[in-house]
Amino acid sequence: RDPLLQAVVEGREPAVSAVDLNVILCPGTGPCPAVRGSVLLYRDDSHITNTAAVMLGPALEHALVTKVQLPLRGPRLQSSQTAGTPRS
């Protein structure tokens, strides 16, 4: 296991913030679902698909702005309701 990651998880690195998006991909207990609705979430054992990454965008943006206090710049990320929808 990575010692820095362990220190962050244990709160021993106050200058580093961790953002856990697994709670969105893997709600509840048991194995993570590979598909949610009609969206394929994983392309292999440990890598999410581009569509899943877009779906996570708003949650990541929120975490970076609130938890990490990163200033928001540029256009807002699209909502998860439109993730994976082709743009016209």
N, C-alpha and C. Protein backbone atom coordinates (compact mmCIF):
# COMPACT_ATOMS: atom_id res chain seq x y z
N ARG A 1 0.84 -1.19 0.00
CA ARG A 1 0.00 0.00 0.00
C ARG A 1 0.89 1.25 0.00
N ASP A 2 0.41 2.28 -0.65
CA ASP A 2 1.14 3.54 -0.76
C ASP A 2 1.15 4.27 0.59
N PRO A 3 2.33 4.58 1.14
CA PRO A 3 2.40 5.25 2.45
C PRO A 3 1.75 6.63 2.46
N LEU A 4 1.91 7.40 1.37
CA LEU A 4 1.28 8.72 1.31
C LEU A 4 -0.24 8.59 1.30
N LEU A 5 -0.75 7.67 0.51
CA LEU A 5 -2.20 7.44 0.49
C LEU A 5 -2.70 7.06 1.87
N GLN A 6 -2.00 6.19 2.55
CA GLN A 6 -2.40 5.78 3.89
C GLN A 6 -2.40 6.98 4.85
N ALA A 7 -1.39 7.84 4.75
CA ALA A 7 -1.32 9.03 5.60
C ALA A 7 -2.48 9.98 5.32
N VAL A 8 -2.85 10.13 4.05
CA VAL A 8 -3.99 10.99 3.69
C VAL A 8 -5.27 10.42 4.26
N VAL A 9 -5.48 9.12 4.08
CA VAL A 9 -6.69 8.47 4.57
C VAL A 9 -6.81 8.61 6.08
N GLU A 10 -5.70 8.52 6.78
CA GLU A 10 -5.69 8.62 8.24
C GLU A 10 -5.69 10.06 8.74
N GLY A 11 -5.67 11.04 7.82
CA GLY A 11 -5.71 12.45 8.22
C GLY A 11 -4.39 12.99 8.73
N ARG A 12 -3.29 12.33 8.40
CA ARG A 12 -1.97 12.78 8.85
C ARG A 12 -1.28 13.71 7.86
N GLU A 13 -1.94 14.05 6.78
CA GLU A 13 -1.40 14.98 5.78
C GLU A 13 -2.41 16.11 5.59
N PRO A 14 -2.40 17.13 6.46
CA PRO A 14 -3.42 18.17 6.40
C PRO A 14 -3.41 19.00 5.12
N ALA A 15 -2.29 19.02 4.41
CA ALA A 15 -2.22 19.80 3.17
C ALA A 15 -2.78 19.04 1.97
N VAL A 16 -3.17 17.79 2.17
CA VAL A 16 -3.67 16.96 1.07
C VAL A 16 -5.11 16.56 1.36
N SER A 17 -5.98 16.75 0.37
CA SER A 17 -7.38 16.34 0.51
C SER A 17 -7.65 15.19 -0.44
N ALA A 18 -8.44 14.25 0.00
CA ALA A 18 -8.84 13.12 -0.84
C ALA A 18 -10.30 13.27 -1.20
N VAL A 19 -10.62 12.94 -2.42
CA VAL A 19 -12.00 12.97 -2.90
C VAL A 19 -12.37 11.55 -3.28
N ASP A 20 -13.31 10.96 -2.56
CA ASP A 20 -13.72 9.58 -2.80
C ASP A 20 -14.98 9.56 -3.66
N LEU A 21 -14.84 9.18 -4.91
CA LEU A 21 -15.98 9.08 -5.82
C LEU A 21 -16.54 7.67 -5.87
N ASN A 22 -15.91 6.74 -5.15
CA ASN A 22 -16.42 5.37 -5.13
C ASN A 22 -17.81 5.28 -4.54
N VAL A 23 -18.16 6.20 -3.63
CA VAL A 23 -19.50 6.17 -3.04
C VAL A 23 -20.57 6.41 -4.10
N ILE A 24 -20.21 7.06 -5.19
CA ILE A 24 -21.16 7.28 -6.29
C ILE A 24 -21.19 6.07 -7.21
N LEU A 25 -20.02 5.53 -7.53
CA LEU A 25 -19.96 4.38 -8.43
C LEU A 25 -20.41 3.09 -7.76
N CYS A 26 -20.14 2.96 -6.47
CA CYS A 26 -20.42 1.72 -5.75
C CYS A 26 -21.31 1.97 -4.53
N PRO A 27 -22.54 2.41 -4.74
CA PRO A 27 -23.41 2.66 -3.59
C PRO A 27 -23.77 1.34 -2.90
N GLY A 28 -23.85 1.38 -1.59
CA GLY A 28 -24.22 0.17 -0.85
C GLY A 28 -23.05 -0.75 -0.64
N THR A 29 -23.37 -1.99 -0.34
CA THR A 29 -22.33 -2.98 -0.10
C THR A 29 -22.31 -3.97 -1.26
N GLY A 30 -21.30 -4.78 -1.30
CA GLY A 30 -21.18 -5.76 -2.37
C GLY A 30 -20.37 -5.22 -3.52
N PRO A 31 -20.30 -5.99 -4.58
CA PRO A 31 -19.50 -5.57 -5.73
C PRO A 31 -20.09 -4.35 -6.43
N CYS A 32 -19.23 -3.57 -7.04
CA CYS A 32 -19.68 -2.40 -7.79
C CYS A 32 -20.39 -2.86 -9.06
N PRO A 33 -21.51 -2.21 -9.40
CA PRO A 33 -22.19 -2.59 -10.64
C PRO A 33 -21.38 -2.13 -11.86
N ALA A 34 -21.31 -2.95 -12.88
CA ALA A 34 -20.61 -2.59 -14.10
C ALA A 34 -21.45 -1.67 -14.97
N VAL A 35 -22.78 -1.75 -14.79
CA VAL A 35 -23.71 -0.96 -15.59
C VAL A 35 -24.72 -0.31 -14.66
N ARG A 36 -25.04 0.96 -14.90
CA ARG A 36 -26.11 1.64 -14.17
C ARG A 36 -27.09 2.17 -15.21
N GLY A 37 -28.32 1.64 -15.16
CA GLY A 37 -29.28 1.98 -16.21
C GLY A 37 -28.76 1.44 -17.52
N SER A 38 -28.52 2.32 -18.46
CA SER A 38 -27.95 1.90 -19.74
C SER A 38 -26.51 2.37 -19.90
N VAL A 39 -25.90 2.83 -18.80
CA VAL A 39 -24.54 3.37 -18.86
C VAL A 39 -23.53 2.33 -18.38
N LEU A 40 -22.60 1.98 -19.24
CA LEU A 40 -21.49 1.10 -18.88
C LEU A 40 -20.51 1.92 -18.04
N LEU A 41 -20.25 1.49 -16.80
CA LEU A 41 -19.40 2.26 -15.89
C LEU A 41 -17.92 1.89 -15.99
N TYR A 42 -17.63 0.62 -16.19
CA TYR A 42 -16.23 0.16 -16.21
C TYR A 42 -15.88 -0.46 -17.55
N ARG A 43 -14.65 -0.18 -18.02
CA ARG A 43 -14.18 -0.80 -19.27
C ARG A 43 -13.31 -2.01 -18.99
N ASP A 44 -12.83 -2.12 -17.75
CA ASP A 44 -12.11 -3.32 -17.30
C ASP A 44 -12.20 -3.36 -15.77
N ASP A 45 -11.34 -4.13 -15.12
CA ASP A 45 -11.44 -4.31 -13.67
C ASP A 45 -11.24 -3.04 -12.85
N SER A 46 -10.53 -2.06 -13.38
CA SER A 46 -10.21 -0.90 -12.55
C SER A 46 -10.27 0.45 -13.26
N HIS A 47 -10.76 0.50 -14.49
CA HIS A 47 -10.82 1.76 -15.23
C HIS A 47 -12.27 2.05 -15.63
N ILE A 48 -12.70 3.29 -15.32
CA ILE A 48 -14.06 3.67 -15.70
C ILE A 48 -14.10 4.11 -17.16
N THR A 49 -15.29 4.07 -17.74
CA THR A 49 -15.48 4.51 -19.12
C THR A 49 -15.51 6.03 -19.18
N ASN A 50 -15.38 6.57 -20.38
CA ASN A 50 -15.49 8.02 -20.57
C ASN A 50 -16.85 8.52 -20.12
N THR A 51 -17.90 7.77 -20.41
CA THR A 51 -19.25 8.17 -20.02
C THR A 51 -19.38 8.22 -18.51
N ALA A 52 -18.79 7.26 -17.81
CA ALA A 52 -18.82 7.27 -16.34
C ALA A 52 -18.04 8.47 -15.80
N ALA A 53 -16.94 8.81 -16.43
CA ALA A 53 -16.15 9.97 -16.01
C ALA A 53 -16.97 11.25 -16.15
N VAL A 54 -17.70 11.38 -17.26
CA VAL A 54 -18.56 12.55 -17.45
C VAL A 54 -19.65 12.57 -16.40
N MET A 55 -20.21 11.41 -16.08
CA MET A 55 -21.25 11.31 -15.07
C MET A 55 -20.73 11.77 -13.70
N LEU A 56 -19.46 11.49 -13.40
CA LEU A 56 -18.86 11.88 -12.12
C LEU A 56 -18.44 13.34 -12.08
N GLY A 57 -18.40 14.00 -13.22
CA GLY A 57 -17.93 15.38 -13.31
C GLY A 57 -18.55 16.34 -12.31
N PRO A 58 -19.87 16.43 -12.23
CA PRO A 58 -20.48 17.37 -11.28
C PRO A 58 -20.12 17.08 -9.83
N ALA A 59 -20.03 15.82 -9.44
CA ALA A 59 -19.66 15.47 -8.07
C ALA A 59 -18.21 15.85 -7.79
N LEU A 60 -17.34 15.63 -8.76
CA LEU A 60 -15.93 16.00 -8.60
C LEU A 60 -15.80 17.52 -8.52
N GLU A 61 -16.52 18.22 -9.39
CA GLU A 61 -16.49 19.69 -9.36
C GLU A 61 -16.94 20.19 -7.98
N HIS A 62 -18.02 19.65 -7.47
CA HIS A 62 -18.53 20.06 -6.15
C HIS A 62 -17.48 19.80 -5.07
N ALA A 63 -16.86 18.64 -5.09
CA ALA A 63 -15.85 18.31 -4.08
C ALA A 63 -14.64 19.23 -4.17
N LEU A 64 -14.21 19.54 -5.38
CA LEU A 64 -13.04 20.41 -5.54
C LEU A 64 -13.34 21.84 -5.09
N VAL A 65 -14.55 22.31 -5.34
CA VAL A 65 -14.91 23.67 -4.96
C VAL A 65 -15.15 23.77 -3.45
N THR A 66 -15.82 22.78 -2.86
CA THR A 66 -16.17 22.87 -1.44
C THR A 66 -15.11 22.29 -0.51
N LYS A 67 -14.64 21.10 -0.78
CA LYS A 67 -13.68 20.45 0.12
C LYS A 67 -12.27 20.98 -0.06
N VAL A 68 -11.84 21.08 -1.30
CA VAL A 68 -10.48 21.51 -1.58
C VAL A 68 -10.42 23.04 -1.71
N GLN A 69 -11.56 23.68 -1.83
CA GLN A 69 -11.70 25.12 -1.99
C GLN A 69 -10.97 25.63 -3.22
N LEU A 70 -11.09 24.88 -4.29
CA LEU A 70 -10.53 25.28 -5.57
C LEU A 70 -11.51 26.25 -6.22
N PRO A 71 -11.06 27.41 -6.68
CA PRO A 71 -12.00 28.34 -7.32
C PRO A 71 -12.52 27.76 -8.63
N LEU A 72 -13.79 27.97 -8.87
CA LEU A 72 -14.42 27.49 -10.10
C LEU A 72 -14.04 28.42 -11.24
N ARG A 73 -13.58 27.85 -12.34
CA ARG A 73 -13.22 28.64 -13.52
C ARG A 73 -13.80 27.97 -14.75
N GLY A 74 -14.05 28.75 -15.76
CA GLY A 74 -14.53 28.19 -17.02
C GLY A 74 -15.97 27.75 -16.94
N PRO A 75 -16.43 27.06 -17.99
CA PRO A 75 -17.84 26.63 -18.04
C PRO A 75 -18.13 25.56 -17.00
N ARG A 76 -19.34 25.59 -16.50
CA ARG A 76 -19.78 24.57 -15.54
C ARG A 76 -19.83 23.23 -16.24
N LEU A 77 -19.60 22.17 -15.48
CA LEU A 77 -19.70 20.83 -16.04
C LEU A 77 -21.16 20.49 -16.29
N GLN A 78 -21.41 19.67 -17.29
CA GLN A 78 -22.80 19.29 -17.57
C GLN A 78 -23.32 18.40 -16.47
N SER A 79 -24.62 18.41 -16.29
CA SER A 79 -25.22 17.60 -15.24
C SER A 79 -25.20 16.13 -15.62
N SER A 80 -25.34 15.27 -14.61
CA SER A 80 -25.33 13.83 -14.86
C SER A 80 -26.53 13.39 -15.66
N GLN A 81 -27.60 14.20 -15.68
CA GLN A 81 -28.78 13.83 -16.47
C GLN A 81 -28.47 13.86 -17.96
N THR A 82 -27.51 14.70 -18.37
CA THR A 82 -27.19 14.79 -19.80
C THR A 82 -25.92 14.04 -20.15
N ALA A 83 -25.28 13.42 -19.17
CA ALA A 83 -24.05 12.69 -19.43
C ALA A 83 -24.30 11.57 -20.42
N GLY A 84 -23.45 11.50 -21.42
CA GLY A 84 -23.58 10.44 -22.40
C GLY A 84 -24.56 10.76 -23.52
N THR A 85 -25.25 11.90 -23.41
CA THR A 85 -26.18 12.29 -24.45
C THR A 85 -25.41 13.03 -25.54
N PRO A 86 -25.54 12.62 -26.80
CA PRO A 86 -24.83 13.31 -27.87
C PRO A 86 -25.25 14.77 -27.94
N ARG A 87 -24.28 15.63 -28.18
CA ARG A 87 -24.59 17.06 -28.33
C ARG A 87 -24.95 17.35 -29.77
N SER A 88 -25.89 18.26 -29.96
CA SER A 88 -26.30 18.59 -31.33
C SER A 88 -25.56 19.79 -31.86
